[in-house]
Amino acid sequence: MRRRTQLYLDEDQYRWLKRQAGSRGSIASVVRGLIDGARDRKPKPEQDPLLRYLLYDPPGSGATPTSVETLDEDVYGS
């Protein structure tokens, strides 16, 4: 089943999509391709602060102790 939707784009977004569609056929096909590409990308653990923290420096095993109170600072550095 396909669903119809509507987007509001600023002028730069529209021009960019129009240029992309020139080689692919339609703006709709460009948008569908961008969505499919984003869905297919698998996050790399080393690029995600939380995954990197849990996989490579799990709580309680790092150089300094950690706790729930310091989790944001430990993971995101803020």
C-alpha atoms as a PDB file:
ATOM      1  CA  MET A   1       0.000   0.000   0.000  1.00  0.00           C
ATOM      2  CA  ARG A   2       1.275   3.478  -0.820  1.00  0.00           C
ATOM      3  CA  ARG A   3       0.351   6.644   1.022  1.00  0.00           C
ATOM      4  CA  ARG A   4       0.126  10.091  -0.448  1.00  0.00           C
ATOM      5  CA  THR A   5       1.685  12.954   1.500  1.00  0.00           C
ATOM      6  CA  GLN A   6       2.463  16.627   1.100  1.00  0.00           C
ATOM      7  CA  LEU A   7       5.649  18.526   1.964  1.00  0.00           C
ATOM      8  CA  TYR A   8       6.390  22.188   2.377  1.00  0.00           C
ATOM      9  CA  LEU A   9       9.870  23.010   1.118  1.00  0.00           C
ATOM     10  CA  ASP A  10      11.811  26.221   1.055  1.00  0.00           C
ATOM     11  CA  GLU A  11      13.010  27.473  -2.319  1.00  0.00           C
ATOM     12  CA  ASP A  12      16.548  26.054  -1.963  1.00  0.00           C
ATOM     13  CA  GLN A  13      15.243  22.605  -1.004  1.00  0.00           C
ATOM     14  CA  TYR A  14      12.871  22.597  -3.963  1.00  0.00           C
ATOM     15  CA  ARG A  15      15.572  23.665  -6.457  1.00  0.00           C
ATOM     16  CA  TRP A  16      17.939  20.990  -5.143  1.00  0.00           C
ATOM     17  CA  LEU A  17      15.270  18.285  -5.460  1.00  0.00           C
ATOM     18  CA  LYS A  18      14.348  19.512  -8.938  1.00  0.00           C
ATOM     19  CA  ARG A  19      18.004  19.228 -10.049  1.00  0.00           C
ATOM     20  CA  GLN A  20      18.237  15.726  -8.580  1.00  0.00           C
ATOM     21  CA  ALA A  21      14.993  14.713 -10.246  1.00  0.00           C
ATOM     22  CA  GLY A  22      16.326  15.794 -13.623  1.00  0.00           C
ATOM     23  CA  SER A  23      18.442  12.648 -13.755  1.00  0.00           C
ATOM     24  CA  ARG A  24      16.019  10.330 -11.940  1.00  0.00           C
ATOM     25  CA  GLY A  25      12.651  11.332 -13.280  1.00  0.00           C
ATOM     26  CA  SER A  26      10.623  12.851 -10.454  1.00  0.00           C
ATOM     27  CA  ILE A  27      10.934  14.663  -7.161  1.00  0.00           C
ATOM     28  CA  ALA A  28       8.893  11.880  -5.547  1.00  0.00           C
ATOM     29  CA  SER A  29      11.406   9.245  -6.633  1.00  0.00           C
ATOM     30  CA  VAL A  30      14.264  11.346  -5.227  1.00  0.00           C
ATOM     31  CA  VAL A  31      12.476  11.699  -1.870  1.00  0.00           C
ATOM     32  CA  ARG A  32      11.698   7.961  -1.739  1.00  0.00           C
ATOM     33  CA  GLY A  33      15.337   7.186  -2.557  1.00  0.00           C
ATOM     34  CA  LEU A  34      16.579   9.481   0.217  1.00  0.00           C
ATOM     35  CA  ILE A  35      14.221   7.863   2.738  1.00  0.00           C
ATOM     36  CA  ASP A  36      15.243   4.340   1.692  1.00  0.00           C
ATOM     37  CA  GLY A  37      18.921   5.273   1.884  1.00  0.00           C
ATOM     38  CA  ALA A  38      18.515   6.707   5.380  1.00  0.00           C
ATOM     39  CA  ARG A  39      16.623   3.610   6.559  1.00  0.00           C
ATOM     40  CA  ASP A  40      19.245   1.255   5.141  1.00  0.00           C
ATOM     41  CA  ARG A  41      22.192   2.951   6.838  1.00  0.00           C
ATOM     42  CA  LYS A  42      23.346   1.069   9.880  1.00  0.00           C
ATOM     43  CA  PRO A  43      24.748   3.205  12.682  1.00  0.00           C
ATOM     44  CA  LYS A  44      28.402   2.602  13.469  1.00  0.00           C
ATOM     45  CA  PRO A  45      28.853   1.984  17.207  1.00  0.00           C
ATOM     46  CA  GLU A  46      32.038   4.040  17.309  1.00  0.00           C
ATOM     47  CA  GLN A  47      30.113   7.094  16.049  1.00  0.00           C
ATOM     48  CA  ASP A  48      27.292   6.869  18.598  1.00  0.00           C
ATOM     49  CA  PRO A  49      28.393   8.189  22.004  1.00  0.00           C
ATOM     50  CA  LEU A  50      26.093   5.891  23.990  1.00  0.00           C
ATOM     51  CA  LEU A  51      26.966   2.724  22.034  1.00  0.00           C
ATOM     52  CA  ARG A  52      30.667   3.575  22.143  1.00  0.00           C
ATOM     53  CA  TYR A  53      30.408   4.072  25.896  1.00  0.00           C
ATOM     54  CA  LEU A  54      28.544   0.811  26.474  1.00  0.00           C
ATOM     55  CA  LEU A  55      30.654  -1.311  24.128  1.00  0.00           C
ATOM     56  CA  TYR A  56      34.129   0.044  24.725  1.00  0.00           C
ATOM     57  CA  ASP A  57      34.020   1.526  28.228  1.00  0.00           C
ATOM     58  CA  PRO A  58      31.063  -0.060  30.036  1.00  0.00           C
ATOM     59  CA  PRO A  59      29.929   1.409  33.351  1.00  0.00           C
ATOM     60  CA  GLY A  60      32.084   0.288  36.227  1.00  0.00           C
ATOM     61  CA  SER A  61      34.986  -0.872  34.066  1.00  0.00           C
ATOM     62  CA  GLY A  62      36.457   2.443  32.938  1.00  0.00           C
ATOM     63  CA  ALA A  63      39.349   4.412  34.350  1.00  0.00           C
ATOM     64  CA  THR A  64      37.039   6.280  36.725  1.00  0.00           C
ATOM     65  CA  PRO A  65      33.856   5.132  38.439  1.00  0.00           C
ATOM     66  CA  THR A  66      30.526   6.118  36.917  1.00  0.00           C
ATOM     67  CA  SER A  67      26.949   6.201  38.062  1.00  0.00           C
ATOM     68  CA  VAL A  68      23.494   7.141  36.872  1.00  0.00           C
ATOM     69  CA  GLU A  69      24.058  10.661  38.189  1.00  0.00           C
ATOM     70  CA  THR A  70      27.085  11.184  35.932  1.00  0.00           C
ATOM     71  CA  LEU A  71      25.875   9.244  32.872  1.00  0.00           C
ATOM     72  CA  ASP A  72      25.201  12.276  30.634  1.00  0.00           C
ATOM     73  CA  GLU A  73      28.587  13.745  31.426  1.00  0.00           C
ATOM     74  CA  ASP A  74      30.299  10.372  30.998  1.00  0.00           C
ATOM     75  CA  VAL A  75      28.650   9.697  27.628  1.00  0.00           C
ATOM     76  CA  TYR A  76      28.217  13.131  26.069  1.00  0.00           C
ATOM     77  CA  GLY A  77      30.824  15.118  27.944  1.00  0.00           C
ATOM     78  CA  SER A  78      28.361  17.757  29.085  1.00  0.00           C
END
